[in-house]
Protein backbone atom coordinates (compact mmCIF):
# COMPACT_ATOMS: atom_id res chain seq x y z
CA MET A 1 15.60 -27.16 -0.92
CA VAL A 2 14.94 -24.64 1.86
CA THR A 3 12.15 -24.18 4.37
CA ILE A 4 9.69 -21.30 4.18
CA GLN A 5 11.42 -19.58 7.10
CA GLU A 6 14.85 -19.97 5.49
CA ALA A 7 13.61 -18.56 2.17
CA LEU A 8 12.06 -15.54 3.87
CA ARG A 9 15.22 -14.96 5.91
CA ILE A 10 17.43 -15.08 2.81
CA ILE A 11 15.24 -12.47 1.12
CA GLN A 12 15.17 -10.29 4.24
CA ASP A 13 18.95 -10.48 4.70
CA GLN A 14 19.72 -9.07 1.26
CA LYS A 15 21.63 -5.80 1.38
CA ILE A 16 19.92 -3.21 -0.76
CA SER A 17 20.62 0.32 -1.95
CA LEU A 18 17.76 2.77 -2.19
CA LYS A 19 17.35 5.44 -4.86
CA SER A 20 15.49 8.72 -4.47
CA GLU A 21 13.70 11.18 -6.72
CA LEU A 22 11.66 14.36 -6.58
CA LYS A 23 7.96 13.64 -7.09
CA PRO A 24 5.20 16.19 -7.73
CA LEU A 25 2.71 16.07 -4.86
CA GLU A 26 -0.05 14.69 -7.07
CA GLU A 27 2.18 11.73 -8.07
CA ALA A 28 3.61 10.92 -4.63
CA LEU A 29 0.85 8.63 -3.32
CA GLY A 30 2.25 5.29 -2.14
CA PHE A 31 5.87 6.45 -1.99
CA ALA A 32 8.00 6.59 1.16
CA LEU A 33 9.66 9.85 2.17
CA GLU A 34 13.40 10.06 1.63
CA THR A 35 13.88 12.79 4.24
CA GLU A 36 12.27 14.02 7.42
CA THR A 37 9.68 16.77 6.87
CA ILE A 38 9.78 19.82 9.16
CA ALA A 39 6.87 22.25 9.52
CA PRO A 40 7.94 25.59 7.96
CA PHE A 41 5.25 27.46 9.93
CA ASP A 42 2.48 26.91 12.46
CA VAL A 43 -0.59 24.95 11.36
CA PRO A 44 -3.00 26.65 11.57
CA GLU A 45 -1.05 29.85 10.98
CA PHE A 46 -3.70 31.88 12.81
CA ASP A 47 -6.70 31.33 15.06
CA ASN A 48 -9.59 30.46 12.77
CA SER A 49 -13.24 29.50 13.00
CA ALA A 50 -14.27 25.84 13.02
CA MET A 51 -17.88 26.79 12.19
CA ASP A 52 -20.08 29.12 10.23
CA GLY A 53 -21.41 31.35 12.99
CA TYR A 54 -20.45 34.36 15.07
CA ALA A 55 -17.19 35.37 16.74
CA LEU A 56 -17.95 36.76 20.18
CA CYS A 57 -16.12 39.07 22.55
CA GLY A 58 -16.91 38.22 26.17
CA LEU A 59 -19.32 35.67 27.58
CA PHE A 60 -22.90 36.92 27.17
CA GLN A 61 -26.12 35.83 25.49
CA GLU A 62 -26.71 39.08 23.60
CA TYR A 63 -24.22 40.88 21.33
CA GLN A 64 -24.10 43.85 19.02
CA LEU A 65 -23.15 42.84 15.47
CA VAL A 66 -20.38 45.05 14.06
CA GLY A 67 -19.21 43.32 10.89
CA GLU A 68 -18.37 40.16 8.94
CA VAL A 69 -15.23 38.06 8.30
CA ALA A 70 -15.12 35.63 5.37
CA ALA A 71 -12.53 32.91 4.76
CA GLY A 72 -9.48 34.53 3.16
CA ASP A 73 -10.15 38.02 4.51
CA SER A 74 -7.03 39.71 5.81
CA LYS A 75 -8.76 42.68 7.46
CA GLU A 76 -8.44 43.16 11.21
CA ILE A 77 -11.53 43.82 13.32
CA GLU A 78 -11.01 44.92 16.92
CA LEU A 79 -13.89 43.69 19.07
CA LYS A 80 -15.04 45.13 22.36
CA ASP A 81 -16.92 43.33 25.11
CA GLY A 82 -20.45 42.55 23.97
CA GLU A 83 -19.63 42.82 20.27
CA ALA A 84 -19.70 40.06 17.65
CA VAL A 85 -19.01 39.56 13.95
CA ARG A 86 -20.48 37.16 11.43
CA ILE A 87 -17.75 34.61 10.62
CA PHE A 88 -17.34 31.64 8.27
CA THR A 89 -15.46 28.34 8.53
CA GLY A 90 -11.71 28.86 8.17
CA ALA A 91 -11.88 32.63 8.54
CA LYS A 92 -9.36 34.41 10.79
CA VAL A 93 -10.84 34.99 14.24
CA PRO A 94 -10.53 38.58 15.52
CA GLU A 95 -7.76 38.92 18.08
CA LYS A 96 -9.98 39.58 21.09
CA ALA A 97 -12.64 36.99 20.24
CA THR A 98 -13.58 34.76 23.18
CA ALA A 99 -15.49 32.05 21.30
CA VAL A 100 -17.39 31.23 18.14
CA MET A 101 -21.03 30.20 18.37
CA MET A 102 -22.40 28.06 15.54
CA GLN A 103 -25.17 29.80 13.61
CA GLU A 104 -27.72 27.06 14.35
CA LYS A 105 -27.75 28.16 18.00
CA THR A 106 -28.34 31.84 17.33
CA SER A 107 -30.95 34.29 16.10
CA VAL A 108 -30.59 37.86 14.85
CA LYS A 109 -33.01 40.78 15.13
CA GLU A 110 -31.83 43.89 13.36
CA SER A 111 -28.22 44.29 14.62
CA THR A 112 -28.59 42.29 17.82
CA LEU A 113 -27.39 38.68 18.10
CA TYR A 114 -29.11 36.34 20.56
CA LEU A 115 -27.61 33.03 21.68
CA ASP A 116 -29.61 29.95 22.64
CA GLU A 117 -26.95 29.01 25.22
CA MET A 118 -24.01 30.52 27.03
CA PRO A 119 -20.71 30.28 25.12
CA ARG A 120 -17.53 28.72 26.49
CA VAL A 121 -14.05 30.23 26.27
CA GLY A 122 -12.29 28.96 23.14
CA GLN A 123 -15.41 27.26 21.76
CA ASN A 124 -15.15 26.43 18.02
CA ILE A 125 -11.83 28.25 17.63
CA ARG A 126 -8.96 26.39 15.97
CA LYS A 127 -5.92 27.74 17.76
CA LYS A 128 -2.74 28.86 16.01
CA GLY A 129 -0.27 25.95 16.00
CA GLY A 130 -2.95 23.57 17.25
CA GLN A 131 -1.90 20.88 14.75
CA LEU A 132 1.77 21.70 14.13
CA THR A 133 4.21 24.28 15.38
CA GLU A 134 7.01 25.78 13.29
CA GLY A 135 10.06 23.48 13.36
CA GLN A 136 8.11 20.43 14.50
CA THR A 137 8.67 17.09 12.73
CA VAL A 138 5.70 16.43 10.47
CA PHE A 139 6.75 13.00 9.18
CA GLU A 140 9.85 10.88 9.74
CA LYS A 141 12.00 9.53 6.91
CA GLY A 142 10.30 6.41 5.48
CA HIS A 143 6.76 7.60 6.16
CA LEU A 144 4.43 6.04 3.59
CA LEU A 145 2.47 8.77 1.84
CA ASN A 146 -1.29 8.18 1.96
CA PRO A 147 -4.04 10.63 0.93
CA PRO A 148 -4.13 12.42 4.35
CA SER A 149 -0.32 12.79 4.16
CA LEU A 150 -0.61 14.49 0.78
CA SER A 151 -3.29 16.80 2.15
CA LEU A 152 -1.06 17.86 5.03
CA MET A 153 1.95 18.32 2.74
CA GLY A 154 -0.16 20.47 0.46
CA SER A 155 -1.25 22.60 3.43
CA LEU A 156 2.45 23.25 4.08
CA GLY A 157 2.82 24.65 0.57
CA LEU A 158 4.98 21.77 -0.67
CA GLU A 159 4.45 21.08 -4.37
CA ALA A 160 7.06 18.31 -4.68
CA LEU A 161 8.54 15.75 -2.27
CA GLU A 162 11.84 13.87 -2.09
CA VAL A 163 10.77 10.21 -2.05
CA ILE A 164 12.40 6.80 -2.28
CA SER A 165 12.08 5.47 -5.81
CA LYS A 166 10.14 2.30 -6.42
CA PRO A 167 11.95 -0.55 -8.17
CA LYS A 168 11.68 -0.93 -11.92
CA ILE A 169 10.07 -4.31 -12.57
CA ASN A 170 10.08 -6.50 -15.68
CA ILE A 171 7.91 -9.58 -16.23
CA ILE A 172 8.66 -12.62 -18.40
CA THR A 173 6.24 -15.48 -19.04
CA THR A 174 7.45 -18.69 -20.67
CA GLY A 175 5.74 -21.56 -22.46
CA ASN A 176 5.20 -22.95 -25.97
CA GLU A 177 1.59 -23.62 -25.06
CA LEU A 178 0.78 -19.98 -24.27
CA VAL A 179 -1.28 -17.79 -26.57
CA LYS A 180 -2.11 -14.15 -25.92
CA PRO A 181 -5.81 -13.54 -25.14
CA GLY A 182 -7.69 -12.49 -28.25
CA GLN A 183 -5.50 -14.59 -30.57
CA PRO A 184 -6.63 -17.90 -32.15
CA LYS A 185 -5.38 -21.06 -30.44
CA THR A 186 -5.21 -24.71 -31.37
CA VAL A 187 -5.75 -27.91 -29.41
CA GLY A 188 -3.03 -28.19 -26.76
CA GLN A 189 -2.59 -24.45 -26.37
CA ILE A 190 -3.92 -22.25 -23.57
CA TYR A 191 -4.34 -18.53 -23.12
CA GLU A 192 -1.56 -16.84 -21.19
CA SER A 193 -2.86 -15.46 -17.88
CA ASN A 194 -0.06 -15.32 -15.31
CA SER A 195 1.29 -11.99 -16.52
CA PHE A 196 -2.13 -10.45 -15.85
CA ALA A 197 -2.17 -11.88 -12.33
CA ILE A 198 1.34 -10.61 -11.59
CA SER A 199 0.86 -7.17 -13.14
CA GLY A 200 -2.50 -6.89 -11.36
CA ALA A 201 -0.93 -7.81 -8.03
CA LEU A 202 1.79 -5.22 -8.64
CA GLN A 203 -0.83 -2.58 -9.33
CA GLN A 204 -2.84 -3.65 -6.27
CA PHE A 205 0.10 -2.70 -4.06
CA GLY A 206 1.12 0.46 -5.86
CA PHE A 207 3.73 -0.89 -8.28
CA GLN A 208 3.89 -0.88 -12.07
CA TYR A 209 5.79 -3.14 -14.44
CA HIS A 210 8.17 -1.56 -16.90
CA GLN A 211 8.22 -4.28 -19.54
CA LYS A 212 6.31 -7.51 -20.13
CA THR A 213 7.64 -10.25 -22.45
CA GLN A 214 6.44 -13.69 -23.50
CA ILE A 215 9.08 -16.27 -24.50
CA LYS A 216 8.87 -19.72 -26.06
CA ASP A 217 10.37 -22.79 -24.36
CA ASP A 218 13.69 -22.51 -26.18
CA PHE A 219 17.06 -22.18 -24.46
CA ASP A 220 18.49 -19.50 -26.75
CA ALA A 221 15.26 -17.48 -26.71
CA THR A 222 15.05 -17.74 -22.93
CA LYS A 223 18.68 -16.74 -22.48
CA VAL A 224 18.35 -13.72 -24.78
CA GLY A 225 15.00 -12.70 -23.26
CA ILE A 226 16.44 -12.72 -19.74
CA LYS A 227 19.53 -10.79 -20.89
CA ARG A 228 17.36 -8.06 -22.43
CA ALA A 229 15.04 -7.88 -19.42
CA LEU A 230 17.98 -7.48 -17.02
CA GLU A 231 19.19 -4.47 -19.00
CA SER A 232 16.28 -2.34 -17.79
CA CYS A 233 15.06 -3.48 -14.36
CA ASP A 234 15.79 -3.74 -10.67
CA VAL A 235 13.56 -6.79 -10.20
CA LEU A 236 12.83 -9.47 -12.79
CA ILE A 237 9.81 -11.71 -12.24
CA ILE A 238 9.66 -14.83 -14.42
CA SER A 239 6.66 -17.13 -14.57
CA GLY A 240 7.14 -20.74 -15.70
CA GLY A 241 10.09 -22.73 -17.00
CA ILE A 242 11.71 -23.16 -13.59
CA SER A 243 10.86 -26.79 -12.88
CA VAL A 244 12.90 -29.82 -14.01
CA GLY A 245 11.17 -30.71 -17.28
CA ASP A 246 12.91 -31.11 -20.62
CA TYR A 247 11.61 -27.69 -21.71
CA ASP A 248 12.39 -25.77 -18.52
CA PHE A 249 15.32 -23.53 -19.45
CA VAL A 250 14.98 -20.63 -17.02
CA LYS A 251 17.42 -21.77 -14.32
CA GLN A 252 20.21 -22.51 -16.80
CA SER A 253 19.55 -19.26 -18.66
CA LEU A 254 19.80 -17.28 -15.44
CA GLU A 255 23.17 -18.88 -14.69
CA GLU A 256 24.37 -18.05 -18.23
CA ASN A 257 23.38 -14.42 -17.59
CA GLY A 258 25.42 -14.16 -14.40
CA VAL A 259 22.58 -14.44 -11.90
CA ASN A 260 23.69 -16.04 -8.64
CA GLU A 261 21.24 -18.51 -7.14
CA LEU A 262 20.30 -17.70 -3.53
CA PHE A 263 17.80 -20.51 -3.17
CA TYR A 264 15.91 -22.92 -5.40
CA LYS A 265 12.89 -24.94 -4.30
CA VAL A 266 10.98 -24.34 -1.09
CA PHE A 267 9.41 -27.06 1.04
CA GLN A 268 5.84 -25.78 0.67
CA LYS A 269 2.61 -26.18 -1.22
CA PRO A 270 1.90 -24.61 -3.61
CA GLY A 271 5.04 -23.18 -5.16
CA LYS A 272 7.78 -25.71 -4.47
CA PRO A 273 9.84 -24.87 -7.63
CA LEU A 274 10.51 -21.26 -6.57
CA TYR A 275 13.84 -19.62 -7.47
CA PHE A 276 15.43 -16.49 -6.02
CA GLY A 277 18.69 -15.03 -7.34
CA ARG A 278 20.74 -11.88 -7.54
CA LYS A 279 23.04 -10.17 -10.04
CA GLU A 280 24.81 -7.24 -8.37
CA ASN A 281 21.91 -4.94 -7.37
CA GLN A 282 19.28 -6.76 -9.43
CA PHE A 283 16.98 -9.45 -8.05
CA VAL A 284 15.27 -12.29 -9.87
CA PHE A 285 12.27 -14.36 -8.84
CA ALA A 286 11.39 -17.33 -11.05
CA LEU A 287 7.88 -18.37 -10.06
CA PRO A 288 6.13 -21.66 -10.88
CA GLY A 289 3.98 -21.68 -13.99
CA ASN A 290 0.76 -22.85 -12.34
CA PRO A 291 -1.41 -19.77 -11.75
CA ALA A 292 -2.23 -20.27 -8.06
CA SER A 293 1.38 -21.19 -7.26
CA SER A 294 2.72 -18.17 -9.11
CA LEU A 295 0.43 -15.70 -7.37
CA THR A 296 0.92 -17.28 -3.94
CA CYS A 297 4.69 -16.96 -4.29
CA PHE A 298 4.30 -13.34 -5.31
CA TYR A 299 2.30 -12.50 -2.19
CA VAL A 300 4.54 -14.41 0.21
CA TYR A 301 8.04 -13.78 -1.21
CA VAL A 302 8.15 -11.10 -3.91
CA LEU A 303 6.05 -8.42 -2.21
CA PRO A 304 8.25 -8.16 0.93
CA LEU A 305 11.32 -7.42 -1.20
CA LEU A 306 9.45 -4.85 -3.30
CA HIS A 307 8.42 -3.11 -0.08
CA ARG A 308 12.02 -3.06 1.18
CA LEU A 309 13.30 -1.70 -2.15
CA SER A 310 10.70 1.09 -1.84
CA GLY A 311 11.83 2.09 1.65
CA TYR A 312 8.69 0.87 3.39
CA GLU A 313 8.82 0.21 7.14
CA LYS A 314 6.36 -2.67 6.66
CA ASN A 315 7.57 -5.57 4.52
CA GLY A 316 4.96 -7.81 2.95
CA LEU A 317 1.46 -8.72 4.01
CA THR A 318 0.58 -8.66 7.71
CA THR A 319 -0.26 -12.02 9.26
CA TYR A 320 -3.47 -12.18 11.31
CA GLN A 321 -5.08 -15.00 13.26
CA PHE A 322 -8.71 -16.02 12.79
CA PRO A 323 -10.77 -18.94 14.15
CA ILE A 324 -11.51 -21.63 11.56
CA LYS A 325 -15.16 -22.38 10.77
CA HIS A 326 -14.73 -26.12 10.19
CA PRO A 327 -12.38 -29.04 10.93
CA PHE A 328 -9.40 -29.33 8.60
CA LYS A 329 -6.29 -31.49 8.33
CA ASN A 330 -3.32 -30.75 6.10
CA THR A 331 -2.71 -33.99 4.21
CA PHE A 332 -0.66 -32.42 1.40
CA GLY A 333 2.66 -33.54 2.86
CA ARG A 334 4.10 -30.01 3.05
CA PRO A 335 3.42 -26.79 4.94
CA SER A 336 0.70 -25.11 2.89
CA PHE A 337 -0.59 -21.68 1.95
CA LEU A 338 -4.25 -22.43 1.34
CA LYS A 339 -6.84 -20.41 -0.51
CA ALA A 340 -9.25 -19.15 2.09
CA ALA A 341 -12.05 -16.70 2.79
CA VAL A 342 -12.22 -14.61 5.95
CA ILE A 343 -15.85 -13.66 6.58
CA ASP A 344 -17.17 -11.98 9.73
CA GLY A 345 -13.95 -12.72 11.59
CA ASN A 346 -13.85 -16.45 10.76
CA VAL A 347 -11.75 -18.27 8.18
CA GLU A 348 -12.92 -20.97 5.80
CA ILE A 349 -10.52 -23.13 3.77
CA LEU A 350 -11.93 -23.20 0.23
CA ASP A 351 -12.32 -26.07 -2.20
CA GLY A 352 -10.08 -26.11 -5.27
CA GLN A 353 -6.63 -26.10 -3.68
CA GLY A 354 -4.87 -27.38 -6.82
CA SER A 355 -1.91 -25.33 -8.05
CA SER A 356 -3.64 -24.63 -11.35
CA MET A 357 -6.97 -23.61 -9.78
CA ILE A 358 -7.23 -19.83 -9.70
CA ARG A 359 -11.02 -19.45 -9.37
CA SER A 360 -11.03 -20.34 -5.66
CA MET A 361 -8.31 -17.76 -5.06
CA ALA A 362 -10.35 -15.17 -6.94
CA LYS A 363 -13.38 -15.89 -4.75
CA GLY A 364 -11.34 -15.84 -1.52
CA ASN A 365 -9.49 -13.04 0.21
CA ALA A 366 -6.74 -14.74 2.20
CA LEU A 367 -3.94 -17.29 2.30
CA ALA A 368 -4.26 -19.53 5.36
CA PHE A 369 -1.06 -21.16 6.56
CA VAL A 370 -1.45 -24.72 7.86
CA ASP A 371 1.64 -26.72 8.80
CA ASP A 372 2.38 -30.18 7.43
CA GLY A 373 0.09 -32.73 9.12
CA GLU A 374 -1.58 -30.10 11.30
CA THR A 375 -5.15 -30.91 12.41
CA LEU A 376 -7.55 -28.06 13.15
CA ASN A 377 -10.90 -28.22 14.96
CA ASP A 378 -13.76 -25.73 14.92
CA GLY A 379 -12.61 -22.45 16.47
CA ASP A 380 -8.87 -23.17 16.35
CA MET A 381 -6.82 -20.12 15.37
CA VAL A 382 -5.27 -20.06 11.89
CA ARG A 383 -2.55 -17.72 10.62
CA CYS A 384 -3.77 -15.84 7.54
CA LYS A 385 -2.41 -13.27 5.14
CA LEU A 386 -5.19 -11.06 3.77
CA ILE A 387 -4.67 -10.58 0.04
CA SER A 388 -7.69 -8.36 -0.62
């Protein structure tokens, strides 16, 4: 058995190899860049108007209107002192323009423009290269592509990006008692739910599973199911069958399939019977079968490795500290990740901390870490991982 810190260190110390691929811009959200991006030209490429209004030559309060420039126009208008043109947002500003005055602060009579206030040099003009200059680094390697990133990449004319591939993930659930939702069940059976929690958590953080399989508590079936799953994945996540019961065959089946155990059992609650192993460049997590334990282990241990395999700079959920709203003592006998709710900057430990109780986790938004035997009073700071 290992401590929480030892388990996290073992996962973090794993040497990994990253893969890359070319992704269309519209499919690149949530991927990390494989290479540094360099600006191929200035952004903006030309001085342009930040407003619908009038481009002015010189600093006056009256101007003679001599034309119009719309966004996308390529024509050149040479202004003289005291002249102005109607201009629209994004349109190229004439070379000798001093400022742009927004239309709300103007009035026009015949061909004369009147300003409500004196303009300032450079007012409402987006200068050439004001955001990026040609040859400047736009994003470093490993930058996580969010919607603004995609917008900027699109403005550079890039239709596809070289990104770090995300790991291919397979899911196995085990248990004779499990029945797929929508199917009839008998007394003693329950509906399978952990695969929905795991696949939902994957989707929440921008991952997708490749294959999902349900296996009975049978050694041969478990061994064959694991063998097949390992043929098509980088990470295998197994739920159930990893404890020490007579029908728990996962650990032995992993050994038979050449998976090397890196740790088994963590001194924590929930999720003590957690397994982590490796076969060459493939990784295996065998999570406890109880729903809250399974999902807690995913957030704390699986997610950091998925982030690393995707080239992310950040690994796993960020830990924050919040004051607790009520006294609490950890009497569970182990360091504990507790279902909690952070509301208005304060954390509340929720009822229903049992490993099988998923409703309290669904109603909360955090995992609060409280050490074995730790006593907390009102206002004491608690370490929390926000899960939603």
